[in-house]
């Protein structure tokens, strides 16, 4: 028996890093304001670490859009795998040429392209899709803020989020 409503639990889980970062920031500030000597410096270190966690947590919370969609995403050792009811496949993050966002489908899909492979379409709400945030962070030159902005305010047509500088992969139409 749970005393927290399911909607509240979902929100807490979405913002878990933010909540931990805020709590640690408060602890660090208490040490800074009330401590002496070494305790003040420990408080400063805690505040710095907590602030980094807070910023990362905000980005992750913006990326998480729920679960329960079609298929399962698995990210292991630099490879993204998607197992869906109709499609599936795997892409190596290091060998990816392009990351796109396709809002024309319901729900919107991530499109991962790698030379020699069919594009991999992954629904935003697939089970385990939150792991894609860390996988995408490994893409050199990815603009995380742009990705989050496109994700939260989808355009009408597919948009390229990231492309390898030497890529000549065809565009989605």
N, C-alpha and C. Protein backbone atom coordinates (compact mmCIF):
# COMPACT_ATOMS: atom_id res chain seq x y z
N UNK A 1 0.84 -1.18 0.00
CA UNK A 1 0.00 0.00 0.00
C UNK A 1 0.89 1.24 0.00
N UNK A 2 0.60 2.13 -0.91
CA UNK A 2 1.40 3.34 -1.04
C UNK A 2 0.58 4.55 -0.61
N UNK A 3 1.23 5.45 0.09
CA UNK A 3 0.55 6.67 0.55
C UNK A 3 0.74 7.82 -0.44
N UNK A 4 1.46 7.56 -1.53
CA UNK A 4 1.71 8.58 -2.55
C UNK A 4 0.94 8.21 -3.81
N UNK A 5 0.21 9.18 -4.34
CA UNK A 5 -0.54 8.94 -5.56
C UNK A 5 0.40 8.54 -6.70
N UNK A 6 -0.06 7.71 -7.64
CA UNK A 6 0.79 7.29 -8.76
C UNK A 6 1.33 8.46 -9.58
N UNK A 7 0.51 9.51 -9.78
CA UNK A 7 0.96 10.68 -10.54
C UNK A 7 2.10 11.38 -9.82
N UNK A 8 2.00 11.47 -8.50
CA UNK A 8 3.05 12.11 -7.71
C UNK A 8 4.33 11.27 -7.73
N UNK A 9 4.18 9.95 -7.66
CA UNK A 9 5.34 9.07 -7.74
C UNK A 9 6.05 9.24 -9.09
N UNK A 10 5.27 9.34 -10.15
CA UNK A 10 5.83 9.52 -11.49
C UNK A 10 6.62 10.83 -11.57
N UNK A 11 6.06 11.90 -11.00
CA UNK A 11 6.75 13.19 -11.01
C UNK A 11 8.02 13.16 -10.16
N UNK A 12 7.95 12.52 -9.02
CA UNK A 12 9.13 12.40 -8.16
C UNK A 12 10.23 11.62 -8.89
N UNK A 13 9.87 10.55 -9.56
CA UNK A 13 10.86 9.76 -10.29
C UNK A 13 11.44 10.55 -11.46
N UNK A 14 10.63 11.37 -12.10
CA UNK A 14 11.12 12.17 -13.23
C UNK A 14 12.14 13.20 -12.76
N UNK A 15 11.92 13.78 -11.59
CA UNK A 15 12.78 14.85 -11.07
C UNK A 15 13.68 14.38 -9.93
N UNK A 16 13.99 13.11 -9.85
CA UNK A 16 14.75 12.56 -8.72
C UNK A 16 16.13 13.19 -8.56
N UNK A 17 16.87 13.40 -9.64
CA UNK A 17 18.19 14.01 -9.52
C UNK A 17 18.09 15.46 -9.04
N UNK A 18 17.05 16.16 -9.51
CA UNK A 18 16.83 17.55 -9.10
C UNK A 18 16.57 17.61 -7.60
N UNK A 19 15.73 16.72 -7.11
CA UNK A 19 15.41 16.70 -5.69
C UNK A 19 16.63 16.37 -4.83
N UNK A 20 17.42 15.39 -5.26
CA UNK A 20 18.64 15.04 -4.51
C UNK A 20 19.63 16.20 -4.54
N UNK A 21 19.81 16.82 -5.71
CA UNK A 21 20.71 17.97 -5.83
C UNK A 21 20.28 19.13 -4.95
N UNK A 22 18.99 19.42 -4.92
CA UNK A 22 18.49 20.51 -4.08
C UNK A 22 18.71 20.20 -2.60
N UNK A 23 18.44 18.96 -2.21
CA UNK A 23 18.67 18.57 -0.81
C UNK A 23 20.13 18.67 -0.41
N UNK A 24 21.01 18.24 -1.29
CA UNK A 24 22.45 18.34 -0.99
C UNK A 24 22.91 19.80 -0.97
N UNK A 25 22.33 20.63 -1.84
CA UNK A 25 22.66 22.06 -1.81
C UNK A 25 22.29 22.67 -0.46
N UNK A 26 21.12 22.31 0.05
CA UNK A 26 20.70 22.81 1.36
C UNK A 26 21.67 22.34 2.45
N UNK A 27 22.06 21.07 2.41
CA UNK A 27 23.02 20.55 3.38
C UNK A 27 24.35 21.31 3.29
N UNK A 28 24.83 21.53 2.08
CA UNK A 28 26.08 22.28 1.90
C UNK A 28 25.97 23.70 2.43
N UNK A 29 24.86 24.37 2.17
CA UNK A 29 24.66 25.73 2.67
C UNK A 29 24.62 25.77 4.19
N UNK A 30 23.99 24.77 4.80
CA UNK A 30 23.96 24.70 6.27
C UNK A 30 25.38 24.57 6.81
N UNK A 31 26.18 23.71 6.20
CA UNK A 31 27.57 23.56 6.64
C UNK A 31 28.37 24.84 6.45
N UNK A 32 28.13 25.53 5.35
CA UNK A 32 28.85 26.79 5.10
C UNK A 32 28.47 27.84 6.14
N UNK A 33 27.18 27.95 6.43
CA UNK A 33 26.70 29.02 7.31
C UNK A 33 26.92 28.73 8.80
N UNK A 34 26.93 27.47 9.19
CA UNK A 34 27.05 27.16 10.61
C UNK A 34 28.36 26.50 10.99
N UNK A 35 29.10 26.03 10.00
CA UNK A 35 30.32 25.30 10.29
C UNK A 35 31.52 26.20 10.52
N UNK A 36 32.61 25.56 10.94
CA UNK A 36 33.87 26.25 11.15
C UNK A 36 34.98 25.42 10.54
N UNK A 37 35.99 26.09 10.04
CA UNK A 37 37.18 25.41 9.54
C UNK A 37 36.89 24.49 8.37
N UNK A 38 37.22 23.22 8.56
CA UNK A 38 37.09 22.22 7.51
C UNK A 38 35.63 22.00 7.10
N UNK A 39 34.70 22.14 8.03
CA UNK A 39 33.28 21.94 7.72
C UNK A 39 32.79 22.92 6.65
N UNK A 40 33.31 24.14 6.67
CA UNK A 40 32.93 25.14 5.66
C UNK A 40 33.38 24.68 4.28
N UNK A 41 34.62 24.17 4.19
CA UNK A 41 35.14 23.72 2.89
C UNK A 41 34.43 22.46 2.41
N UNK A 42 34.03 21.62 3.32
CA UNK A 42 33.24 20.44 2.94
C UNK A 42 31.88 20.91 2.41
N UNK A 43 31.30 21.90 3.04
CA UNK A 43 30.04 22.48 2.57
C UNK A 43 30.16 23.08 1.17
N UNK A 44 31.28 23.75 0.91
CA UNK A 44 31.52 24.32 -0.43
C UNK A 44 31.60 23.20 -1.46
N UNK A 45 32.35 22.13 -1.15
CA UNK A 45 32.48 21.00 -2.07
C UNK A 45 31.12 20.34 -2.32
N UNK A 46 30.33 20.19 -1.27
CA UNK A 46 29.00 19.59 -1.42
C UNK A 46 28.12 20.48 -2.30
N UNK A 47 28.18 21.79 -2.11
CA UNK A 47 27.38 22.71 -2.93
C UNK A 47 27.77 22.65 -4.40
N UNK A 48 29.06 22.57 -4.67
CA UNK A 48 29.52 22.50 -6.06
C UNK A 48 29.02 21.21 -6.71
N UNK A 49 29.22 20.08 -6.03
CA UNK A 49 28.75 18.80 -6.57
C UNK A 49 27.24 18.76 -6.73
N UNK A 50 26.53 19.30 -5.74
CA UNK A 50 25.07 19.30 -5.79
C UNK A 50 24.55 20.19 -6.91
N UNK A 51 25.22 21.31 -7.16
CA UNK A 51 24.80 22.19 -8.25
C UNK A 51 24.97 21.52 -9.60
N UNK A 52 26.07 20.78 -9.76
CA UNK A 52 26.28 20.03 -11.01
C UNK A 52 25.19 18.99 -11.17
N UNK A 53 24.87 18.27 -10.09
CA UNK A 53 23.80 17.27 -10.12
C UNK A 53 22.46 17.92 -10.43
N UNK A 54 22.22 19.09 -9.88
CA UNK A 54 20.97 19.81 -10.10
C UNK A 54 20.79 20.18 -11.58
N UNK A 55 21.84 20.72 -12.20
CA UNK A 55 21.76 21.10 -13.61
C UNK A 55 21.56 19.86 -14.49
N UNK A 56 22.34 18.82 -14.23
CA UNK A 56 22.19 17.58 -15.00
C UNK A 56 20.81 16.98 -14.79
N UNK A 57 20.30 17.06 -13.57
CA UNK A 57 18.98 16.53 -13.26
C UNK A 57 17.87 17.26 -14.00
N UNK A 58 18.02 18.57 -14.14
CA UNK A 58 17.02 19.35 -14.88
C UNK A 58 17.00 18.91 -16.34
N UNK A 59 18.17 18.72 -16.94
CA UNK A 59 18.23 18.26 -18.32
C UNK A 59 17.61 16.87 -18.47
N UNK A 60 17.95 15.97 -17.55
CA UNK A 60 17.40 14.62 -17.62
C UNK A 60 15.88 14.63 -17.43
N UNK A 61 15.39 15.47 -16.53
CA UNK A 61 13.94 15.54 -16.30
C UNK A 61 13.22 16.04 -17.54
N UNK A 62 13.83 16.98 -18.25
CA UNK A 62 13.23 17.48 -19.49
C UNK A 62 13.23 16.41 -20.56
N UNK A 63 14.21 15.50 -20.51
CA UNK A 63 14.32 14.44 -21.51
C UNK A 63 13.32 13.32 -21.26
N UNK A 64 13.03 13.04 -20.00
CA UNK A 64 12.11 11.94 -19.67
C UNK A 64 10.68 12.33 -20.01
N UNK A 65 10.06 11.54 -20.84
CA UNK A 65 8.67 11.82 -21.22
C UNK A 65 7.75 10.67 -20.90
N UNK A 66 8.13 9.89 -19.94
CA UNK A 66 7.27 8.78 -19.56
C UNK A 66 7.71 7.49 -20.20
N UNK A 67 6.97 6.45 -19.93
CA UNK A 67 7.28 5.13 -20.47
C UNK A 67 5.97 4.45 -20.79
N UNK A 68 6.06 3.19 -21.09
CA UNK A 68 4.85 2.44 -21.38
C UNK A 68 4.51 2.40 -22.85
N UNK A 69 5.36 3.00 -23.68
CA UNK A 69 5.13 2.97 -25.12
C UNK A 69 5.54 1.64 -25.71
N UNK A 70 5.48 1.58 -27.02
CA UNK A 70 5.79 0.34 -27.72
C UNK A 70 7.28 0.06 -27.72
N UNK A 71 7.66 -1.14 -27.35
CA UNK A 71 9.04 -1.56 -27.45
C UNK A 71 9.88 -1.26 -26.24
N UNK A 72 11.13 -1.75 -26.32
CA UNK A 72 12.08 -1.60 -25.22
C UNK A 72 13.42 -1.13 -25.79
N UNK A 73 14.00 -0.12 -25.13
CA UNK A 73 15.31 0.39 -25.51
C UNK A 73 16.34 -0.15 -24.52
N UNK A 74 17.49 -0.54 -25.06
CA UNK A 74 18.57 -1.05 -24.23
C UNK A 74 19.86 -0.38 -24.69
N UNK A 75 20.61 0.22 -23.77
CA UNK A 75 21.88 0.85 -24.10
C UNK A 75 22.96 0.11 -23.32
N UNK A 76 23.86 -0.56 -24.05
CA UNK A 76 24.93 -1.32 -23.43
C UNK A 76 26.22 -1.10 -24.21
N UNK A 77 27.26 -0.66 -23.50
CA UNK A 77 28.60 -0.50 -24.06
C UNK A 77 28.62 0.22 -25.40
N UNK A 78 27.96 1.35 -25.48
CA UNK A 78 28.00 2.17 -26.68
C UNK A 78 27.11 1.72 -27.80
N UNK A 79 26.23 0.77 -27.56
CA UNK A 79 25.29 0.31 -28.58
C UNK A 79 23.86 0.53 -28.08
N UNK A 80 23.05 1.09 -28.96
CA UNK A 80 21.63 1.31 -28.66
C UNK A 80 20.84 0.24 -29.39
N UNK A 81 20.05 -0.51 -28.65
CA UNK A 81 19.20 -1.54 -29.24
C UNK A 81 17.75 -1.17 -28.98
N UNK A 82 16.90 -1.42 -29.96
CA UNK A 82 15.47 -1.21 -29.79
C UNK A 82 14.76 -2.47 -30.24
N UNK A 83 13.90 -2.99 -29.37
CA UNK A 83 13.11 -4.17 -29.67
C UNK A 83 11.64 -3.76 -29.62
N UNK A 84 11.04 -3.60 -30.79
CA UNK A 84 9.66 -3.16 -30.85
C UNK A 84 8.74 -4.24 -31.37
N UNK A 85 7.44 -3.97 -31.35
CA UNK A 85 6.48 -4.97 -31.80
C UNK A 85 6.54 -5.20 -33.31
N UNK A 86 6.97 -4.18 -34.07
CA UNK A 86 7.02 -4.32 -35.53
C UNK A 86 8.43 -4.16 -36.10
N UNK A 87 9.27 -3.42 -35.43
CA UNK A 87 10.63 -3.18 -35.91
C UNK A 87 11.61 -3.32 -34.77
N UNK A 88 12.86 -3.19 -35.11
CA UNK A 88 13.90 -3.25 -34.11
C UNK A 88 15.26 -3.20 -34.77
N UNK A 89 16.27 -3.16 -33.96
CA UNK A 89 17.62 -3.13 -34.50
C UNK A 89 18.58 -2.58 -33.48
N UNK A 90 19.81 -2.39 -33.92
CA UNK A 90 20.85 -1.84 -33.05
C UNK A 90 21.74 -0.90 -33.84
N UNK A 91 22.27 0.10 -33.14
CA UNK A 91 23.16 1.09 -33.73
C UNK A 91 24.29 1.34 -32.75
N UNK A 92 25.50 1.44 -33.28
CA UNK A 92 26.65 1.81 -32.46
C UNK A 92 26.72 3.32 -32.37
N UNK A 93 26.81 3.85 -31.17
CA UNK A 93 26.88 5.31 -30.99
C UNK A 93 28.10 5.88 -31.69
N UNK A 94 29.25 5.19 -31.60
CA UNK A 94 30.49 5.68 -32.22
C UNK A 94 30.41 5.72 -33.74
N UNK A 95 29.58 4.87 -34.33
CA UNK A 95 29.50 4.80 -35.78
C UNK A 95 28.26 5.49 -36.34
N UNK A 96 27.50 6.17 -35.48
CA UNK A 96 26.31 6.88 -35.93
C UNK A 96 26.70 8.05 -36.82
N UNK A 97 25.88 8.30 -37.85
CA UNK A 97 26.09 9.44 -38.73
C UNK A 97 25.13 10.58 -38.45
N UNK A 98 23.95 10.23 -37.97
CA UNK A 98 22.93 11.26 -37.79
C UNK A 98 21.93 10.85 -36.72
N UNK A 99 21.50 11.86 -35.96
CA UNK A 99 20.41 11.71 -35.00
C UNK A 99 19.34 12.72 -35.39
N UNK A 100 18.14 12.22 -35.64
CA UNK A 100 17.03 13.09 -36.04
C UNK A 100 15.85 12.88 -35.11
N UNK A 101 14.94 13.82 -35.18
CA UNK A 101 13.70 13.75 -34.41
C UNK A 101 12.55 13.85 -35.40
N UNK A 102 11.67 12.84 -35.41
CA UNK A 102 10.55 12.79 -36.35
C UNK A 102 9.23 12.94 -35.60
N UNK A 103 8.63 14.15 -35.64
CA UNK A 103 7.38 14.37 -34.91
C UNK A 103 6.13 13.92 -35.68
N UNK A 104 6.30 13.44 -36.92
CA UNK A 104 5.14 13.06 -37.73
C UNK A 104 4.47 11.79 -37.23
N UNK A 105 5.18 10.98 -36.48
CA UNK A 105 4.62 9.74 -35.98
C UNK A 105 4.05 9.96 -34.58
N UNK A 106 3.16 9.08 -34.17
CA UNK A 106 2.58 9.18 -32.84
C UNK A 106 2.95 7.94 -32.05
N UNK A 107 3.71 8.08 -31.00
CA UNK A 107 4.38 9.28 -30.51
C UNK A 107 5.57 9.63 -31.41
N UNK A 108 6.13 10.82 -31.21
CA UNK A 108 7.32 11.18 -32.01
C UNK A 108 8.44 10.16 -31.80
N UNK A 109 9.30 10.05 -32.80
CA UNK A 109 10.37 9.05 -32.77
C UNK A 109 11.75 9.70 -32.90
N UNK A 110 12.73 9.07 -32.25
CA UNK A 110 14.13 9.35 -32.51
C UNK A 110 14.52 8.50 -33.71
N UNK A 111 15.33 9.07 -34.59
CA UNK A 111 15.80 8.32 -35.75
C UNK A 111 17.32 8.30 -35.69
N UNK A 112 17.89 7.12 -35.52
CA UNK A 112 19.33 6.94 -35.43
C UNK A 112 19.81 6.31 -36.72
N UNK A 113 20.76 6.98 -37.39
CA UNK A 113 21.23 6.49 -38.68
C UNK A 113 22.71 6.14 -38.61
N UNK A 114 23.03 5.01 -39.24
CA UNK A 114 24.40 4.53 -39.30
C UNK A 114 24.61 3.98 -40.71
N UNK A 115 25.73 4.31 -41.33
CA UNK A 115 26.03 3.85 -42.68
C UNK A 115 25.98 2.33 -42.75
N UNK A 116 25.31 1.82 -43.77
CA UNK A 116 25.22 0.38 -43.97
C UNK A 116 24.06 -0.28 -43.24
N UNK A 117 23.28 0.50 -42.49
CA UNK A 117 22.14 -0.04 -41.73
C UNK A 117 20.89 0.77 -42.05
N UNK A 118 19.75 0.14 -41.91
CA UNK A 118 18.49 0.88 -42.03
C UNK A 118 18.38 1.82 -40.84
N UNK A 119 17.73 2.99 -41.01
CA UNK A 119 17.53 3.87 -39.87
C UNK A 119 16.76 3.16 -38.76
N UNK A 120 17.13 3.45 -37.53
CA UNK A 120 16.48 2.85 -36.37
C UNK A 120 15.51 3.89 -35.79
N UNK A 121 14.21 3.59 -35.81
CA UNK A 121 13.17 4.47 -35.31
C UNK A 121 12.80 4.03 -33.90
N UNK A 122 12.95 4.94 -32.93
CA UNK A 122 12.67 4.61 -31.53
C UNK A 122 11.63 5.59 -30.99
N UNK A 123 10.46 5.10 -30.56
CA UNK A 123 9.45 6.00 -29.98
C UNK A 123 9.99 6.68 -28.72
N UNK A 124 9.63 7.93 -28.52
CA UNK A 124 10.07 8.68 -27.34
C UNK A 124 9.64 8.02 -26.04
N UNK A 125 8.49 7.36 -26.06
CA UNK A 125 7.97 6.78 -24.82
C UNK A 125 8.23 5.28 -24.69
N UNK A 126 9.16 4.75 -25.48
CA UNK A 126 9.49 3.33 -25.35
C UNK A 126 10.08 3.08 -23.97
N UNK A 127 9.86 1.89 -23.47
CA UNK A 127 10.40 1.52 -22.16
C UNK A 127 11.92 1.59 -22.20
N UNK A 128 12.51 2.33 -21.27
CA UNK A 128 13.96 2.47 -21.22
C UNK A 128 14.52 3.59 -22.07
N UNK A 129 13.67 4.39 -22.72
CA UNK A 129 14.13 5.46 -23.61
C UNK A 129 14.90 6.55 -22.87
N UNK A 130 14.74 6.66 -21.54
CA UNK A 130 15.48 7.68 -20.80
C UNK A 130 16.99 7.41 -20.84
N UNK A 131 17.39 6.18 -21.11
CA UNK A 131 18.82 5.85 -21.22
C UNK A 131 19.44 6.47 -22.47
N UNK A 132 18.62 6.88 -23.42
CA UNK A 132 19.14 7.50 -24.64
C UNK A 132 19.82 8.83 -24.34
N UNK A 133 19.40 9.51 -23.28
CA UNK A 133 20.03 10.80 -22.93
C UNK A 133 21.53 10.63 -22.73
N UNK A 134 21.91 9.64 -21.93
CA UNK A 134 23.33 9.39 -21.69
C UNK A 134 24.03 8.93 -22.97
N UNK A 135 23.36 8.12 -23.76
CA UNK A 135 23.95 7.65 -25.01
C UNK A 135 24.18 8.82 -25.96
N UNK A 136 23.21 9.72 -26.07
CA UNK A 136 23.35 10.87 -26.96
C UNK A 136 24.43 11.84 -26.48
N UNK A 137 24.65 11.90 -25.18
CA UNK A 137 25.69 12.78 -24.64
C UNK A 137 27.07 12.40 -25.17
N UNK A 138 27.24 11.16 -25.62
CA UNK A 138 28.51 10.71 -26.16
C UNK A 138 28.77 11.17 -27.59
N UNK A 139 27.79 11.83 -28.20
CA UNK A 139 27.96 12.33 -29.57
C UNK A 139 28.72 13.65 -29.55
N UNK A 140 29.88 13.66 -30.17
CA UNK A 140 30.74 14.85 -30.18
C UNK A 140 30.05 16.01 -30.90
N UNK A 141 29.90 17.11 -30.18
CA UNK A 141 29.29 18.31 -30.76
C UNK A 141 27.78 18.40 -30.61
N UNK A 142 27.17 17.47 -29.89
CA UNK A 142 25.71 17.51 -29.69
C UNK A 142 25.34 18.73 -28.86
N UNK A 143 24.34 19.47 -29.32
CA UNK A 143 23.82 20.61 -28.58
C UNK A 143 22.62 20.11 -27.76
N UNK A 144 22.87 19.82 -26.50
CA UNK A 144 21.84 19.23 -25.64
C UNK A 144 20.63 20.15 -25.49
N UNK A 145 20.86 21.44 -25.33
CA UNK A 145 19.74 22.37 -25.16
C UNK A 145 18.85 22.40 -26.40
N UNK A 146 19.45 22.34 -27.58
CA UNK A 146 18.69 22.30 -28.83
C UNK A 146 17.85 21.03 -28.89
N UNK A 147 18.45 19.89 -28.52
CA UNK A 147 17.74 18.61 -28.51
C UNK A 147 16.53 18.68 -27.58
N UNK A 148 16.72 19.22 -26.38
CA UNK A 148 15.62 19.31 -25.42
C UNK A 148 14.53 20.26 -25.90
N UNK A 149 14.95 21.36 -26.54
CA UNK A 149 13.98 22.33 -27.05
C UNK A 149 13.12 21.70 -28.16
N UNK A 150 13.75 20.99 -29.08
CA UNK A 150 13.02 20.33 -30.17
C UNK A 150 12.08 19.26 -29.61
N UNK A 151 12.56 18.54 -28.62
CA UNK A 151 11.77 17.48 -28.02
C UNK A 151 10.52 18.00 -27.31
N UNK A 152 10.68 19.11 -26.59
CA UNK A 152 9.58 19.64 -25.80
C UNK A 152 8.65 20.57 -26.57
N UNK A 153 9.12 21.07 -27.72
CA UNK A 153 8.29 21.90 -28.59
C UNK A 153 8.50 21.41 -30.02
N UNK A 154 7.90 20.25 -30.36
CA UNK A 154 8.20 19.59 -31.63
C UNK A 154 7.82 20.44 -32.85
N UNK A 155 8.69 20.46 -33.86
CA UNK A 155 8.35 21.14 -35.11
C UNK A 155 7.37 20.28 -35.92
N UNK A 156 6.93 20.78 -37.05
CA UNK A 156 5.97 20.04 -37.87
C UNK A 156 6.64 18.97 -38.72
N UNK A 157 7.91 19.16 -39.04
CA UNK A 157 8.63 18.24 -39.92
C UNK A 157 9.84 17.66 -39.18
N UNK A 158 10.38 16.55 -39.68
CA UNK A 158 11.57 15.98 -39.05
C UNK A 158 12.73 16.98 -39.04
N UNK A 159 13.53 16.90 -37.99
CA UNK A 159 14.65 17.82 -37.85
C UNK A 159 15.89 17.03 -37.43
N UNK A 160 17.04 17.44 -37.97
CA UNK A 160 18.30 16.81 -37.60
C UNK A 160 18.79 17.45 -36.31
N UNK A 161 19.04 16.62 -35.30
CA UNK A 161 19.52 17.08 -34.01
C UNK A 161 21.05 17.13 -34.01
N UNK A 162 21.65 16.10 -34.59
CA UNK A 162 23.11 16.00 -34.63
C UNK A 162 23.49 15.25 -35.89
N UNK A 163 24.62 15.66 -36.47
CA UNK A 163 25.14 14.97 -37.64
C UNK A 163 26.66 14.94 -37.54
N UNK A 164 27.23 13.79 -37.83
CA UNK A 164 28.69 13.66 -37.83
C UNK A 164 29.25 14.60 -38.89
N UNK A 165 30.34 15.28 -38.59
CA UNK A 165 30.87 16.29 -39.51
C UNK A 165 31.22 15.74 -40.88
N UNK A 166 31.52 14.46 -41.02
CA UNK A 166 31.87 13.90 -42.34
C UNK A 166 30.71 13.11 -42.95
N UNK A 167 29.52 13.28 -42.41
CA UNK A 167 28.37 12.48 -42.84
C UNK A 167 27.77 13.00 -44.13
N UNK A 168 27.38 12.05 -44.99
CA UNK A 168 26.65 12.36 -46.21
C UNK A 168 25.40 11.50 -46.29
N UNK A 169 24.82 11.21 -45.14
CA UNK A 169 23.62 10.37 -45.06
C UNK A 169 22.43 11.14 -45.62
N UNK A 170 21.51 10.44 -46.29
CA UNK A 170 20.33 11.09 -46.89
C UNK A 170 19.43 11.68 -45.79
N UNK A 171 18.68 12.70 -46.13
CA UNK A 171 17.78 13.34 -45.19
C UNK A 171 16.44 12.62 -45.17
N UNK A 172 15.76 12.69 -44.03
CA UNK A 172 14.39 12.16 -43.92
C UNK A 172 13.45 13.05 -44.70
N UNK A 173 12.46 12.44 -45.33
CA UNK A 173 11.45 13.25 -46.03
C UNK A 173 10.07 12.82 -45.64
